[in-house]
Amino acid sequence: MAIICPLLNLYLFVMFIYIVLSWFRPRYGTAPAKIHDALGTVVEPVLSPIRQALRPMMGSLPLDLSPMVVVFGILIVRGVLRCG
């Protein structure tokens, strides 16, 4: 648990930065765009399956709730593990 809790915290931080950067759609080739792409390689493998599972429930609503599902999931795991 000594390593799992900090990793969960780090993943939450990475997820938060990725989400915030996605709101602003940085221009291609800029430093924020490169950061967004790098974070995407870590975050998208987790978000993509959840996004596909939520798609039938969301219908045509253009709202991506997959980050919220992942964040809530991590918070639940942190609570179960008692990660302070």
Protein backbone atom coordinates (compact mmCIF):
# COMPACT_ATOMS: atom_id res chain seq x y z
CA MET A 1 0.00 0.00 0.00
CA ALA A 2 2.96 2.25 0.49
CA ILE A 3 3.32 2.57 -3.29
CA ILE A 4 -0.30 2.14 -4.42
CA CYS A 5 -1.67 5.23 -2.68
CA PRO A 6 0.91 7.66 -4.12
CA LEU A 7 0.40 6.12 -7.57
CA LEU A 8 -3.36 6.64 -7.30
CA ASN A 9 -2.76 10.24 -6.24
CA LEU A 10 -0.39 10.77 -9.16
CA TYR A 11 -2.91 9.30 -11.59
CA LEU A 12 -5.61 11.62 -10.26
CA PHE A 13 -3.28 14.58 -10.78
CA VAL A 14 -2.44 13.47 -14.33
CA MET A 15 -6.15 12.98 -15.06
CA PHE A 16 -6.97 16.47 -13.74
CA ILE A 17 -4.28 18.15 -15.89
CA TYR A 18 -5.43 16.16 -18.95
CA ILE A 19 -9.04 17.22 -18.41
CA VAL A 20 -8.18 20.89 -17.95
CA LEU A 21 -5.98 20.93 -21.05
CA SER A 22 -8.73 19.29 -23.07
CA TRP A 23 -11.05 22.20 -22.30
CA PHE A 24 -8.72 24.63 -24.08
CA ARG A 25 -7.70 22.50 -27.09
CA PRO A 26 -4.09 23.64 -27.41
CA ARG A 27 -2.80 24.28 -30.93
CA TYR A 28 -0.82 21.49 -32.56
CA GLY A 29 2.93 21.66 -31.96
CA THR A 30 2.78 23.90 -28.90
CA ALA A 31 4.08 22.84 -25.49
CA PRO A 32 0.58 22.46 -24.01
CA ALA A 33 -0.41 20.25 -26.96
CA LYS A 34 2.63 18.05 -26.42
CA ILE A 35 1.85 17.77 -22.71
CA HIS A 36 -1.78 16.92 -23.51
CA ASP A 37 -0.67 14.22 -25.96
CA ALA A 38 1.81 12.75 -23.48
CA LEU A 39 -0.79 12.64 -20.72
CA GLY A 40 -3.26 11.13 -23.18
CA THR A 41 -1.02 8.10 -23.63
CA VAL A 42 -1.45 7.41 -19.91
CA VAL A 43 -5.09 8.43 -19.48
CA GLU A 44 -6.83 7.33 -22.70
CA PRO A 45 -6.28 3.56 -22.26
CA VAL A 46 -8.40 3.81 -19.11
CA LEU A 47 -10.95 6.33 -20.42
CA SER A 48 -11.59 4.71 -23.78
CA PRO A 49 -13.28 1.48 -22.58
CA ILE A 50 -15.39 3.41 -20.10
CA ARG A 51 -16.35 5.90 -22.81
CA GLN A 52 -17.45 3.02 -25.05
CA ALA A 53 -19.49 1.47 -22.23
CA LEU A 54 -21.22 4.78 -21.47
CA ARG A 55 -21.95 5.65 -25.11
CA PRO A 56 -25.19 3.59 -25.37
CA MET A 57 -26.53 5.19 -22.19
CA MET A 58 -25.62 8.73 -23.25
CA GLY A 59 -27.27 8.54 -26.66
CA SER A 60 -26.61 11.68 -28.69
CA LEU A 61 -25.70 13.82 -25.67
CA PRO A 62 -22.24 15.30 -26.38
CA LEU A 63 -21.02 14.94 -22.80
CA ASP A 64 -18.08 12.74 -21.83
CA LEU A 65 -18.60 11.40 -18.31
CA SER A 66 -15.78 8.85 -18.46
CA PRO A 67 -13.31 11.04 -16.51
CA MET A 68 -15.84 11.39 -13.69
CA VAL A 69 -16.33 7.62 -13.58
CA VAL A 70 -12.57 7.06 -13.38
CA VAL A 71 -12.08 9.73 -10.71
CA PHE A 72 -14.93 8.33 -8.60
CA GLY A 73 -13.52 4.83 -9.04
CA ILE A 74 -10.09 5.93 -7.88
CA LEU A 75 -11.60 7.75 -4.90
CA ILE A 76 -13.49 4.61 -3.92
CA VAL A 77 -10.33 2.49 -4.19
CA ARG A 78 -8.44 5.06 -2.11
CA GLY A 79 -11.15 4.89 0.53
CA VAL A 80 -11.08 1.10 0.64
CA LEU A 81 -7.28 1.16 0.93
CA ARG A 82 -7.47 3.96 3.53
CA CYS A 83 -5.10 6.21 1.62
CA GLY A 84 -5.56 9.20 3.87
